[in-house]
């Protein structure tokens, strides 16, 4: 019986009235103190807060959201299949959101545009205050207009379509140019590019950088080899296997992302081809795994945590000032040299 009485006490949520009764002050004074508003003395405020702690008072967030039209929740839709990428991005998102008093709801869509739309609908129906869309697939004007119709601010991370929207991105053109320039300067001439789908804007931008570097060395980008590969380890492995069956003629392999490069490296190792002795290999992203594979990968470092932080700040700015003009933040990447391109 004792346990039942104790449990029932815990089940009954303490209210502002309970705190007012315990401290002998008005409900208004309690509300002011709990919401850190002026109108009560420091001593009274401390007495109220102490009573709230002793009574295990928990604010009724639903009631607050109805009054303020805010849920203090951000929706995160992740269309990137790499947990390595998402983990770093989300650390940045969560750091800023928590500091500003916001929680997060996350949905992953496995690079599926239909799932992405469904995830957005679900989060909007949960009345999130804003959306962070990681590597979104649905980035056409009609897709953005659909979100805008709900009156909810949103920010694109990693991908966008160049329109007037809030976005935080890596400078893919500069990253691609920097990587190819280094490889050309250190002797590479015949490239095999394991490319991602052309619909992925970030890949197209990297290709712009690659092309610029090749042209500066009087090499025609069209004369190089290209092989489509999805951004995962298995796709890289299978694509490299196909190229080996045809006969490898490249001296350098450049992959659309590090996950493809990890699969390529696995296939090359099984085939007895030395990296970097017989062929050089580079990736893009600088995920944590890139440093710890059998032959550490040369790659381009994307500042994922910073992208998450800056993107969340952009979203919070838009939430607080809906009339603010959209902004785009383009963050710098940098080349990370490792063993896979030595020599």
C-alpha atoms as a PDB file:
ATOM      1  CA  UNK A   1       0.000   0.000   0.000  1.00  0.00           C
ATOM      2  CA  UNK A   2       2.862   2.338   0.876  1.00  0.00           C
ATOM      3  CA  UNK A   3       4.380   1.912  -2.581  1.00  0.00           C
ATOM      4  CA  UNK A   4       1.005   2.532  -4.202  1.00  0.00           C
ATOM      5  CA  UNK A   5       0.545   5.802  -2.277  1.00  0.00           C
ATOM      6  CA  UNK A   6       4.110   6.823  -3.161  1.00  0.00           C
ATOM      7  CA  UNK A   7       3.590   6.052  -6.856  1.00  0.00           C
ATOM      8  CA  UNK A   8       0.303   7.981  -6.931  1.00  0.00           C
ATOM      9  CA  UNK A   9       2.073  11.021  -5.471  1.00  0.00           C
ATOM     10  CA  UNK A  10       4.660  10.865  -8.250  1.00  0.00           C
ATOM     11  CA  UNK A  11       1.956  10.445 -10.896  1.00  0.00           C
ATOM     12  CA  UNK A  12       0.257  13.701  -9.788  1.00  0.00           C
ATOM     13  CA  UNK A  13       2.139  16.515 -11.484  1.00  0.00           C
ATOM     14  CA  UNK A  14       2.913  19.499  -9.224  1.00  0.00           C
ATOM     15  CA  UNK A  15       1.275  22.708 -10.450  1.00  0.00           C
ATOM     16  CA  UNK A  16       1.897  26.423 -10.102  1.00  0.00           C
ATOM     17  CA  UNK A  17      -0.937  26.451  -7.543  1.00  0.00           C
ATOM     18  CA  UNK A  18       0.918  23.850  -5.448  1.00  0.00           C
ATOM     19  CA  UNK A  19       4.063  25.990  -5.445  1.00  0.00           C
ATOM     20  CA  UNK A  20       2.046  29.114  -4.570  1.00  0.00           C
ATOM     21  CA  UNK A  21       0.421  27.284  -1.649  1.00  0.00           C
ATOM     22  CA  UNK A  22       3.783  26.003  -0.410  1.00  0.00           C
ATOM     23  CA  UNK A  23       5.422  29.440  -0.508  1.00  0.00           C
ATOM     24  CA  UNK A  24       2.472  31.636   0.447  1.00  0.00           C
ATOM     25  CA  UNK A  25       2.660  33.794  -2.664  1.00  0.00           C
ATOM     26  CA  UNK A  26       0.308  34.378  -5.588  1.00  0.00           C
ATOM     27  CA  UNK A  27       0.081  32.215  -8.708  1.00  0.00           C
ATOM     28  CA  UNK A  28       1.259  35.250 -10.700  1.00  0.00           C
ATOM     29  CA  UNK A  29       4.418  35.568  -8.591  1.00  0.00           C
ATOM     30  CA  UNK A  30       5.196  31.890  -9.122  1.00  0.00           C
ATOM     31  CA  UNK A  31       4.692  32.223 -12.896  1.00  0.00           C
ATOM     32  CA  UNK A  32       6.972  35.272 -13.050  1.00  0.00           C
ATOM     33  CA  UNK A  33       9.714  33.504 -11.096  1.00  0.00           C
ATOM     34  CA  UNK A  34       9.551  30.267 -13.095  1.00  0.00           C
ATOM     35  CA  UNK A  35       9.658  32.148 -16.400  1.00  0.00           C
ATOM     36  CA  UNK A  36      12.523  34.380 -15.246  1.00  0.00           C
ATOM     37  CA  UNK A  37      10.436  37.533 -15.609  1.00  0.00           C
ATOM     38  CA  UNK A  38      10.764  40.697 -13.476  1.00  0.00           C
ATOM     39  CA  UNK A  39       8.226  41.515 -10.768  1.00  0.00           C
ATOM     40  CA  UNK A  40       9.419  39.433  -7.808  1.00  0.00           C
ATOM     41  CA  UNK A  41      12.288  40.010  -5.409  1.00  0.00           C
ATOM     42  CA  UNK A  42      15.432  37.887  -5.519  1.00  0.00           C
ATOM     43  CA  UNK A  43      14.595  36.317  -2.162  1.00  0.00           C
ATOM     44  CA  UNK A  44      11.054  35.426  -3.215  1.00  0.00           C
ATOM     45  CA  UNK A  45      12.278  34.058  -6.532  1.00  0.00           C
ATOM     46  CA  UNK A  46      14.756  31.776  -4.786  1.00  0.00           C
ATOM     47  CA  UNK A  47      12.070  30.563  -2.357  1.00  0.00           C
ATOM     48  CA  UNK A  48       9.768  29.750  -5.268  1.00  0.00           C
ATOM     49  CA  UNK A  49      12.495  27.926  -7.209  1.00  0.00           C
ATOM     50  CA  UNK A  50      13.460  25.916  -4.132  1.00  0.00           C
ATOM     51  CA  UNK A  51       9.835  24.863  -3.636  1.00  0.00           C
ATOM     52  CA  UNK A  52       9.587  23.912  -7.313  1.00  0.00           C
ATOM     53  CA  UNK A  53      12.629  21.662  -6.923  1.00  0.00           C
ATOM     54  CA  UNK A  54      11.275  20.027  -3.782  1.00  0.00           C
ATOM     55  CA  UNK A  55       7.895  19.399  -5.399  1.00  0.00           C
ATOM     56  CA  UNK A  56       9.598  18.031  -8.563  1.00  0.00           C
ATOM     57  CA  UNK A  57       7.764  20.607 -10.652  1.00  0.00           C
ATOM     58  CA  UNK A  58       7.987  20.011 -14.410  1.00  0.00           C
ATOM     59  CA  UNK A  59       6.696  22.760 -16.760  1.00  0.00           C
ATOM     60  CA  UNK A  60       3.739  21.779 -18.914  1.00  0.00           C
ATOM     61  CA  UNK A  61       5.399  22.221 -22.284  1.00  0.00           C
ATOM     62  CA  UNK A  62       2.169  21.527 -24.178  1.00  0.00           C
ATOM     63  CA  UNK A  63       0.375  24.352 -22.406  1.00  0.00           C
ATOM     64  CA  UNK A  64       3.311  26.662 -22.988  1.00  0.00           C
ATOM     65  CA  UNK A  65       3.371  25.829 -26.685  1.00  0.00           C
ATOM     66  CA  UNK A  66      -0.339  26.565 -27.041  1.00  0.00           C
ATOM     67  CA  UNK A  67       0.113  29.964 -25.416  1.00  0.00           C
ATOM     68  CA  UNK A  68       3.272  30.936 -27.297  1.00  0.00           C
ATOM     69  CA  UNK A  69       2.546  29.082 -30.569  1.00  0.00           C
ATOM     70  CA  UNK A  70       5.988  27.466 -30.150  1.00  0.00           C
ATOM     71  CA  UNK A  71       6.904  23.883 -29.342  1.00  0.00           C
ATOM     72  CA  UNK A  72      10.616  24.604 -28.806  1.00  0.00           C
ATOM     73  CA  UNK A  73      11.287  21.665 -31.122  1.00  0.00           C
ATOM     74  CA  UNK A  74      13.287  21.485 -34.345  1.00  0.00           C
ATOM     75  CA  UNK A  75      12.654  18.792 -36.937  1.00  0.00           C
ATOM     76  CA  UNK A  76      15.692  17.147 -38.546  1.00  0.00           C
ATOM     77  CA  UNK A  77      15.199  15.199 -41.792  1.00  0.00           C
ATOM     78  CA  UNK A  78      18.309  13.221 -42.709  1.00  0.00           C
ATOM     79  CA  UNK A  79      18.543  11.956 -46.283  1.00  0.00           C
ATOM     80  CA  UNK A  80      22.247  11.102 -46.045  1.00  0.00           C
ATOM     81  CA  UNK A  81      22.812   7.352 -45.685  1.00  0.00           C
ATOM     82  CA  UNK A  82      26.168   7.752 -43.922  1.00  0.00           C
ATOM     83  CA  UNK A  83      25.990   7.578 -40.143  1.00  0.00           C
ATOM     84  CA  UNK A  84      29.529   8.979 -40.094  1.00  0.00           C
ATOM     85  CA  UNK A  85      28.338  12.169 -41.775  1.00  0.00           C
ATOM     86  CA  UNK A  86      25.067  12.427 -39.837  1.00  0.00           C
ATOM     87  CA  UNK A  87      26.749  11.831 -36.475  1.00  0.00           C
ATOM     88  CA  UNK A  88      29.105  14.779 -36.941  1.00  0.00           C
ATOM     89  CA  UNK A  89      26.365  17.048 -38.299  1.00  0.00           C
ATOM     90  CA  UNK A  90      23.977  16.196 -35.493  1.00  0.00           C
ATOM     91  CA  UNK A  91      26.557  16.945 -32.806  1.00  0.00           C
ATOM     92  CA  UNK A  92      26.670  20.486 -34.148  1.00  0.00           C
ATOM     93  CA  UNK A  93      22.882  20.730 -34.450  1.00  0.00           C
ATOM     94  CA  UNK A  94      22.251  19.385 -30.950  1.00  0.00           C
ATOM     95  CA  UNK A  95      24.903  21.614 -29.365  1.00  0.00           C
ATOM     96  CA  UNK A  96      23.302  24.835 -30.606  1.00  0.00           C
ATOM     97  CA  UNK A  97      19.695  23.658 -30.203  1.00  0.00           C
ATOM     98  CA  UNK A  98      20.195  22.568 -26.584  1.00  0.00           C
ATOM     99  CA  UNK A  99      22.010  25.792 -25.725  1.00  0.00           C
ATOM    100  CA  UNK A 100      19.000  27.752 -27.004  1.00  0.00           C
ATOM    101  CA  UNK A 101      16.443  25.591 -25.208  1.00  0.00           C
ATOM    102  CA  UNK A 102      15.243  23.520 -28.183  1.00  0.00           C
ATOM    103  CA  UNK A 103      14.729  19.790 -28.499  1.00  0.00           C
ATOM    104  CA  UNK A 104      14.997  17.827 -31.766  1.00  0.00           C
ATOM    105  CA  UNK A 105      12.926  15.240 -33.596  1.00  0.00           C
ATOM    106  CA  UNK A 106      14.879  13.188 -36.153  1.00  0.00           C
ATOM    107  CA  UNK A 107      13.751  11.239 -39.195  1.00  0.00           C
ATOM    108  CA  UNK A 108      16.037   9.365 -41.629  1.00  0.00           C
ATOM    109  CA  UNK A 109      14.930   8.661 -45.198  1.00  0.00           C
ATOM    110  CA  UNK A 110      17.684   6.507 -46.802  1.00  0.00           C
ATOM    111  CA  UNK A 111      18.067   8.698 -49.908  1.00  0.00           C
ATOM    112  CA  UNK A 112      14.413   8.085 -50.805  1.00  0.00           C
ATOM    113  CA  UNK A 113      12.532  11.177 -52.032  1.00  0.00           C
ATOM    114  CA  UNK A 114       9.096   9.760 -51.151  1.00  0.00           C
ATOM    115  CA  UNK A 115      10.192   8.934 -47.602  1.00  0.00           C
ATOM    116  CA  UNK A 116      11.660  12.412 -47.359  1.00  0.00           C
ATOM    117  CA  UNK A 117       8.304  14.013 -48.180  1.00  0.00           C
ATOM    118  CA  UNK A 118       6.557  11.756 -45.676  1.00  0.00           C
ATOM    119  CA  UNK A 119       9.075  12.635 -42.965  1.00  0.00           C
ATOM    120  CA  UNK A 120       8.602  16.350 -43.593  1.00  0.00           C
ATOM    121  CA  UNK A 121       4.797  15.958 -43.394  1.00  0.00           C
ATOM    122  CA  UNK A 122       5.005  14.052 -40.111  1.00  0.00           C
ATOM    123  CA  UNK A 123       7.281  16.633 -38.505  1.00  0.00           C
ATOM    124  CA  UNK A 124       5.149  19.533 -39.719  1.00  0.00           C
ATOM    125  CA  UNK A 125       2.073  17.842 -38.251  1.00  0.00           C
ATOM    126  CA  UNK A 126       3.932  17.616 -34.946  1.00  0.00           C
ATOM    127  CA  UNK A 127       4.161  21.432 -35.082  1.00  0.00           C
ATOM    128  CA  UNK A 128       7.941  21.720 -35.049  1.00  0.00           C
ATOM    129  CA  UNK A 129       9.133  25.329 -35.031  1.00  0.00           C
ATOM    130  CA  UNK A 130      11.548  24.769 -37.924  1.00  0.00           C
ATOM    131  CA  UNK A 131      13.131  22.142 -40.178  1.00  0.00           C
ATOM    132  CA  UNK A 132      16.743  21.227 -40.870  1.00  0.00           C
ATOM    133  CA  UNK A 133      16.990  19.203 -44.082  1.00  0.00           C
ATOM    134  CA  UNK A 134      20.247  17.248 -44.403  1.00  0.00           C
ATOM    135  CA  UNK A 135      21.305  16.464 -47.985  1.00  0.00           C
ATOM    136  CA  UNK A 136      17.700  16.786 -49.231  1.00  0.00           C
ATOM    137  CA  UNK A 137      16.563  15.225 -52.483  1.00  0.00           C
ATOM    138  CA  UNK A 138      13.421  17.308 -52.956  1.00  0.00           C
ATOM    139  CA  UNK A 139      14.980  20.695 -53.654  1.00  0.00           C
ATOM    140  CA  UNK A 140      12.938  22.004 -56.561  1.00  0.00           C
ATOM    141  CA  UNK A 141      10.978  25.241 -56.230  1.00  0.00           C
ATOM    142  CA  UNK A 142       7.680  23.364 -55.878  1.00  0.00           C
ATOM    143  CA  UNK A 143       9.148  21.336 -53.001  1.00  0.00           C
ATOM    144  CA  UNK A 144      10.184  24.497 -51.187  1.00  0.00           C
ATOM    145  CA  UNK A 145       6.833  26.177 -51.852  1.00  0.00           C
ATOM    146  CA  UNK A 146       5.103  23.203 -50.257  1.00  0.00           C
ATOM    147  CA  UNK A 147       7.072  23.647 -47.033  1.00  0.00           C
ATOM    148  CA  UNK A 148       6.598  27.419 -47.135  1.00  0.00           C
ATOM    149  CA  UNK A 149       2.822  26.914 -47.290  1.00  0.00           C
ATOM    150  CA  UNK A 150       2.966  25.650 -43.685  1.00  0.00           C
ATOM    151  CA  UNK A 151       4.660  28.853 -42.564  1.00  0.00           C
ATOM    152  CA  UNK A 152       7.553  26.909 -41.024  1.00  0.00           C
ATOM    153  CA  UNK A 153      11.158  28.107 -41.565  1.00  0.00           C
ATOM    154  CA  UNK A 154      13.621  25.588 -43.002  1.00  0.00           C
ATOM    155  CA  UNK A 155      17.337  25.344 -43.759  1.00  0.00           C
ATOM    156  CA  UNK A 156      19.097  23.065 -46.232  1.00  0.00           C
ATOM    157  CA  UNK A 157      22.369  21.456 -45.138  1.00  0.00           C
ATOM    158  CA  UNK A 158      24.946  20.056 -47.618  1.00  0.00           C
ATOM    159  CA  UNK A 159      22.675  20.358 -50.683  1.00  0.00           C
ATOM    160  CA  UNK A 160      20.624  23.137 -52.258  1.00  0.00           C
ATOM    161  CA  UNK A 161      19.531  24.303 -55.681  1.00  0.00           C
ATOM    162  CA  UNK A 162      20.895  27.839 -55.709  1.00  0.00           C
ATOM    163  CA  UNK A 163      17.532  29.516 -55.068  1.00  0.00           C
ATOM    164  CA  UNK A 164      16.931  32.161 -52.395  1.00  0.00           C
ATOM    165  CA  UNK A 165      16.742  29.851 -49.388  1.00  0.00           C
ATOM    166  CA  UNK A 166      18.514  29.408 -46.092  1.00  0.00           C
ATOM    167  CA  UNK A 167      21.366  26.938 -46.537  1.00  0.00           C
ATOM    168  CA  UNK A 168      24.682  25.974 -45.003  1.00  0.00           C
ATOM    169  CA  UNK A 169      27.096  24.209 -47.328  1.00  0.00           C
ATOM    170  CA  UNK A 170      30.654  23.153 -47.949  1.00  0.00           C
ATOM    171  CA  UNK A 171      32.482  24.888 -50.818  1.00  0.00           C
ATOM    172  CA  UNK A 172      32.464  21.836 -53.086  1.00  0.00           C
ATOM    173  CA  UNK A 173      33.937  23.629 -56.098  1.00  0.00           C
ATOM    174  CA  UNK A 174      36.975  24.777 -54.120  1.00  0.00           C
ATOM    175  CA  UNK A 175      37.301  21.352 -52.504  1.00  0.00           C
ATOM    176  CA  UNK A 176      37.289  19.537 -55.835  1.00  0.00           C
ATOM    177  CA  UNK A 177      39.735  22.006 -57.326  1.00  0.00           C
ATOM    178  CA  UNK A 178      42.123  21.732 -54.376  1.00  0.00           C
ATOM    179  CA  UNK A 179      42.152  17.938 -54.427  1.00  0.00           C
ATOM    180  CA  UNK A 180      42.753  17.604 -58.189  1.00  0.00           C
ATOM    181  CA  UNK A 181      45.345  20.391 -58.212  1.00  0.00           C
ATOM    182  CA  UNK A 182      47.388  18.551 -55.593  1.00  0.00           C
ATOM    183  CA  UNK A 183      47.141  15.240 -57.436  1.00  0.00           C
ATOM    184  CA  UNK A 184      48.175  16.844 -60.732  1.00  0.00           C
ATOM    185  CA  UNK A 185      51.050  18.694 -59.122  1.00  0.00           C
ATOM    186  CA  UNK A 186      52.333  15.414 -57.673  1.00  0.00           C
ATOM    187  CA  UNK A 187      52.227  13.419 -60.908  1.00  0.00           C
ATOM    188  CA  UNK A 188      48.704  12.120 -61.538  1.00  0.00           C
ATOM    189  CA  UNK A 189      47.525  12.264 -65.166  1.00  0.00           C
ATOM    190  CA  UNK A 190      45.094   9.406 -65.882  1.00  0.00           C
ATOM    191  CA  UNK A 191      42.071   9.562 -63.597  1.00  0.00           C
ATOM    192  CA  UNK A 192      39.230   7.199 -62.862  1.00  0.00           C
ATOM    193  CA  UNK A 193      36.390   9.068 -61.152  1.00  0.00           C
ATOM    194  CA  UNK A 194      33.872   7.039 -59.201  1.00  0.00           C
ATOM    195  CA  UNK A 195      31.095   9.569 -59.517  1.00  0.00           C
ATOM    196  CA  UNK A 196      27.809   9.957 -57.698  1.00  0.00           C
ATOM    197  CA  UNK A 197      24.548  10.627 -59.520  1.00  0.00           C
ATOM    198  CA  UNK A 198      24.455  13.896 -61.429  1.00  0.00           C
ATOM    199  CA  UNK A 199      21.251  14.909 -59.633  1.00  0.00           C
ATOM    200  CA  UNK A 200      23.377  15.358 -56.497  1.00  0.00           C
ATOM    201  CA  UNK A 201      24.357  19.010 -56.741  1.00  0.00           C
ATOM    202  CA  UNK A 202      27.326  18.645 -54.400  1.00  0.00           C
ATOM    203  CA  UNK A 203      28.862  16.122 -56.799  1.00  0.00           C
ATOM    204  CA  UNK A 204      28.292  18.397 -59.792  1.00  0.00           C
ATOM    205  CA  UNK A 205      30.036  21.190 -57.928  1.00  0.00           C
ATOM    206  CA  UNK A 206      32.999  18.961 -57.097  1.00  0.00           C
ATOM    207  CA  UNK A 207      33.182  18.018 -60.758  1.00  0.00           C
ATOM    208  CA  UNK A 208      33.354  21.712 -61.638  1.00  0.00           C
ATOM    209  CA  UNK A 209      36.398  21.986 -59.403  1.00  0.00           C
ATOM    210  CA  UNK A 210      37.954  18.841 -60.878  1.00  0.00           C
ATOM    211  CA  UNK A 211      37.349  20.141 -64.399  1.00  0.00           C
ATOM    212  CA  UNK A 212      38.888  23.521 -63.667  1.00  0.00           C
ATOM    213  CA  UNK A 213      42.071  21.888 -62.358  1.00  0.00           C
ATOM    214  CA  UNK A 214      42.304  19.493 -65.323  1.00  0.00           C
ATOM    215  CA  UNK A 215      41.920  22.324 -67.831  1.00  0.00           C
ATOM    216  CA  UNK A 216      44.668  24.307 -66.123  1.00  0.00           C
ATOM    217  CA  UNK A 217      46.944  21.339 -66.870  1.00  0.00           C
ATOM    218  CA  UNK A 218      45.689  21.170 -70.476  1.00  0.00           C
ATOM    219  CA  UNK A 219      43.839  17.935 -69.839  1.00  0.00           C
ATOM    220  CA  UNK A 220      40.364  17.424 -71.279  1.00  0.00           C
ATOM    221  CA  UNK A 221      37.917  16.356 -68.528  1.00  0.00           C
ATOM    222  CA  UNK A 222      36.031  14.305 -71.141  1.00  0.00           C
ATOM    223  CA  UNK A 223      39.159  12.213 -71.772  1.00  0.00           C
ATOM    224  CA  UNK A 224      39.127  10.841 -68.220  1.00  0.00           C
ATOM    225  CA  UNK A 225      37.244   7.730 -67.049  1.00  0.00           C
ATOM    226  CA  UNK A 226      33.989   7.880 -65.078  1.00  0.00           C
ATOM    227  CA  UNK A 227      32.020   5.154 -63.322  1.00  0.00           C
ATOM    228  CA  UNK A 228      28.724   5.753 -61.495  1.00  0.00           C
ATOM    229  CA  UNK A 229      28.638   4.536 -57.883  1.00  0.00           C
ATOM    230  CA  UNK A 230      26.171   5.072 -55.061  1.00  0.00           C
ATOM    231  CA  UNK A 231      27.638   6.705 -51.927  1.00  0.00           C
ATOM    232  CA  UNK A 232      28.291   3.531 -49.916  1.00  0.00           C
ATOM    233  CA  UNK A 233      31.052   0.977 -49.358  1.00  0.00           C
ATOM    234  CA  UNK A 234      29.408  -1.896 -51.241  1.00  0.00           C
ATOM    235  CA  UNK A 235      28.875   0.252 -54.342  1.00  0.00           C
ATOM    236  CA  UNK A 236      32.543   1.275 -54.329  1.00  0.00           C
ATOM    237  CA  UNK A 237      33.649  -2.335 -53.999  1.00  0.00           C
ATOM    238  CA  UNK A 238      31.440  -3.539 -56.863  1.00  0.00           C
ATOM    239  CA  UNK A 239      32.316  -0.613 -59.128  1.00  0.00           C
ATOM    240  CA  UNK A 240      36.038  -1.270 -58.651  1.00  0.00           C
ATOM    241  CA  UNK A 241      35.503  -4.946 -59.383  1.00  0.00           C
ATOM    242  CA  UNK A 242      33.850  -4.039 -62.693  1.00  0.00           C
ATOM    243  CA  UNK A 243      36.704  -1.727 -63.631  1.00  0.00           C
ATOM    244  CA  UNK A 244      39.318  -4.397 -62.841  1.00  0.00           C
ATOM    245  CA  UNK A 245      37.501  -6.854 -65.080  1.00  0.00           C
ATOM    246  CA  UNK A 246      37.822  -4.340 -67.937  1.00  0.00           C
ATOM    247  CA  UNK A 247      41.484  -3.645 -67.155  1.00  0.00           C
ATOM    248  CA  UNK A 248      42.656  -0.756 -64.986  1.00  0.00           C
ATOM    249  CA  UNK A 249      44.532   1.959 -66.902  1.00  0.00           C
ATOM    250  CA  UNK A 250      44.247   4.897 -64.473  1.00  0.00           C
ATOM    251  CA  UNK A 251      47.109   5.968 -62.246  1.00  0.00           C
ATOM    252  CA  UNK A 252      44.764   7.711 -59.791  1.00  0.00           C
ATOM    253  CA  UNK A 253      41.249   6.954 -58.528  1.00  0.00           C
ATOM    254  CA  UNK A 254      39.142   9.803 -57.166  1.00  0.00           C
ATOM    255  CA  UNK A 255      35.923   8.869 -55.354  1.00  0.00           C
ATOM    256  CA  UNK A 256      32.782  10.919 -54.867  1.00  0.00           C
ATOM    257  CA  UNK A 257      32.900  10.268 -51.126  1.00  0.00           C
ATOM    258  CA  UNK A 258      35.035   8.421 -48.592  1.00  0.00           C
ATOM    259  CA  UNK A 259      32.587   5.510 -48.310  1.00  0.00           C
ATOM    260  CA  UNK A 260      33.023   4.719 -52.005  1.00  0.00           C
ATOM    261  CA  UNK A 261      36.795   4.972 -51.518  1.00  0.00           C
ATOM    262  CA  UNK A 262      36.714   2.467 -48.629  1.00  0.00           C
ATOM    263  CA  UNK A 263      34.962  -0.064 -50.874  1.00  0.00           C
ATOM    264  CA  UNK A 264      37.399   0.624 -53.711  1.00  0.00           C
ATOM    265  CA  UNK A 265      40.351   0.098 -51.378  1.00  0.00           C
ATOM    266  CA  UNK A 266      38.936  -3.226 -50.170  1.00  0.00           C
ATOM    267  CA  UNK A 267      38.595  -4.509 -53.754  1.00  0.00           C
ATOM    268  CA  UNK A 268      42.073  -3.305 -54.726  1.00  0.00           C
ATOM    269  CA  UNK A 269      43.577  -5.005 -51.667  1.00  0.00           C
ATOM    270  CA  UNK A 270      41.841  -8.296 -52.484  1.00  0.00           C
ATOM    271  CA  UNK A 271      43.111  -8.032 -56.079  1.00  0.00           C
ATOM    272  CA  UNK A 272      46.682  -7.560 -54.870  1.00  0.00           C
ATOM    273  CA  UNK A 273      46.993  -4.022 -56.265  1.00  0.00           C
ATOM    274  CA  UNK A 274      49.129  -1.806 -54.076  1.00  0.00           C
ATOM    275  CA  UNK A 275      47.875   1.592 -52.909  1.00  0.00           C
ATOM    276  CA  UNK A 276      49.660   3.937 -53.446  1.00  0.00           C
ATOM    277  CA  UNK A 277      52.421   1.865 -55.123  1.00  0.00           C
ATOM    278  CA  UNK A 278      50.443   0.943 -58.245  1.00  0.00           C
ATOM    279  CA  UNK A 279      47.498   3.313 -58.071  1.00  0.00           C
ATOM    280  CA  UNK A 280      46.745   6.377 -55.942  1.00  0.00           C
ATOM    281  CA  UNK A 281      43.377   6.733 -54.230  1.00  0.00           C
ATOM    282  CA  UNK A 282      41.498   9.762 -52.860  1.00  0.00           C
ATOM    283  CA  UNK A 283      38.087  10.341 -51.316  1.00  0.00           C
ATOM    284  CA  UNK A 284      35.992  13.293 -50.198  1.00  0.00           C
ATOM    285  CA  UNK A 285      34.416  14.104 -46.793  1.00  0.00           C
ATOM    286  CA  UNK A 286      37.080  13.066 -44.248  1.00  0.00           C
ATOM    287  CA  UNK A 287      34.776  10.823 -42.252  1.00  0.00           C
ATOM    288  CA  UNK A 288      36.354   9.281 -39.156  1.00  0.00           C
ATOM    289  CA  UNK A 289      36.900   5.939 -40.912  1.00  0.00           C
ATOM    290  CA  UNK A 290      39.115   7.566 -43.580  1.00  0.00           C
ATOM    291  CA  UNK A 291      42.017   7.843 -41.155  1.00  0.00           C
ATOM    292  CA  UNK A 292      41.731   4.283 -39.848  1.00  0.00           C
ATOM    293  CA  UNK A 293      41.403   2.035 -42.918  1.00  0.00           C
ATOM    294  CA  UNK A 294      44.273  -0.228 -44.015  1.00  0.00           C
ATOM    295  CA  UNK A 295      45.757   2.583 -46.108  1.00  0.00           C
ATOM    296  CA  UNK A 296      44.692   5.954 -44.630  1.00  0.00           C
ATOM    297  CA  UNK A 297      42.871   8.032 -47.243  1.00  0.00           C
ATOM    298  CA  UNK A 298      43.785  11.377 -48.705  1.00  0.00           C
ATOM    299  CA  UNK A 299      40.527  13.319 -48.758  1.00  0.00           C
ATOM    300  CA  UNK A 300      38.828  16.699 -48.461  1.00  0.00           C
ATOM    301  CA  UNK A 301      37.696  17.594 -44.972  1.00  0.00           C
ATOM    302  CA  UNK A 302      34.148  18.907 -44.736  1.00  0.00           C
ATOM    303  CA  UNK A 303      33.456  20.796 -41.465  1.00  0.00           C
ATOM    304  CA  UNK A 304      30.327  18.816 -40.653  1.00  0.00           C
ATOM    305  CA  UNK A 305      29.949  19.878 -37.028  1.00  0.00           C
ATOM    306  CA  UNK A 306      30.352  23.510 -38.008  1.00  0.00           C
ATOM    307  CA  UNK A 307      27.797  23.069 -40.817  1.00  0.00           C
ATOM    308  CA  UNK A 308      25.357  21.664 -38.233  1.00  0.00           C
ATOM    309  CA  UNK A 309      26.022  24.540 -35.840  1.00  0.00           C
ATOM    310  CA  UNK A 310      25.812  27.320 -38.416  1.00  0.00           C
ATOM    311  CA  UNK A 311      22.762  25.806 -40.092  1.00  0.00           C
ATOM    312  CA  UNK A 312      20.939  25.641 -36.755  1.00  0.00           C
ATOM    313  CA  UNK A 313      21.827  29.258 -36.017  1.00  0.00           C
ATOM    314  CA  UNK A 314      20.404  30.236 -39.413  1.00  0.00           C
ATOM    315  CA  UNK A 315      17.181  28.390 -38.599  1.00  0.00           C
ATOM    316  CA  UNK A 316      16.824  29.988 -35.168  1.00  0.00           C
ATOM    317  CA  UNK A 317      17.397  33.431 -36.679  1.00  0.00           C
ATOM    318  CA  UNK A 318      14.574  32.770 -39.162  1.00  0.00           C
ATOM    319  CA  UNK A 319      12.257  31.485 -36.413  1.00  0.00           C
ATOM    320  CA  UNK A 320      12.831  34.629 -34.366  1.00  0.00           C
ATOM    321  CA  UNK A 321      12.575  36.968 -37.333  1.00  0.00           C
ATOM    322  CA  UNK A 322      10.350  35.440 -40.052  1.00  0.00           C
ATOM    323  CA  UNK A 323      10.785  38.539 -42.239  1.00  0.00           C
ATOM    324  CA  UNK A 324      14.551  38.160 -42.394  1.00  0.00           C
ATOM    325  CA  UNK A 325      15.892  37.569 -45.913  1.00  0.00           C
ATOM    326  CA  UNK A 326      17.254  34.044 -46.569  1.00  0.00           C
ATOM    327  CA  UNK A 327      21.014  33.602 -46.258  1.00  0.00           C
ATOM    328  CA  UNK A 328      23.516  31.020 -47.392  1.00  0.00           C
ATOM    329  CA  UNK A 329      26.695  30.182 -45.517  1.00  0.00           C
ATOM    330  CA  UNK A 330      29.444  28.555 -47.562  1.00  0.00           C
ATOM    331  CA  UNK A 331      32.104  27.024 -45.299  1.00  0.00           C
ATOM    332  CA  UNK A 332      35.638  26.267 -46.395  1.00  0.00           C
ATOM    333  CA  UNK A 333      36.967  22.738 -46.747  1.00  0.00           C
ATOM    334  CA  UNK A 334      40.604  21.707 -46.699  1.00  0.00           C
ATOM    335  CA  UNK A 335      42.836  18.992 -48.124  1.00  0.00           C
ATOM    336  CA  UNK A 336      43.937  16.193 -45.802  1.00  0.00           C
ATOM    337  CA  UNK A 337      46.985  14.323 -47.099  1.00  0.00           C
ATOM    338  CA  UNK A 338      47.452  10.704 -46.063  1.00  0.00           C
ATOM    339  CA  UNK A 339      49.242   7.568 -47.241  1.00  0.00           C
ATOM    340  CA  UNK A 340      46.881   6.636 -50.118  1.00  0.00           C
ATOM    341  CA  UNK A 341      48.370   9.281 -52.466  1.00  0.00           C
ATOM    342  CA  UNK A 342      52.016   9.249 -51.397  1.00  0.00           C
ATOM    343  CA  UNK A 343      54.723   8.915 -54.011  1.00  0.00           C
END
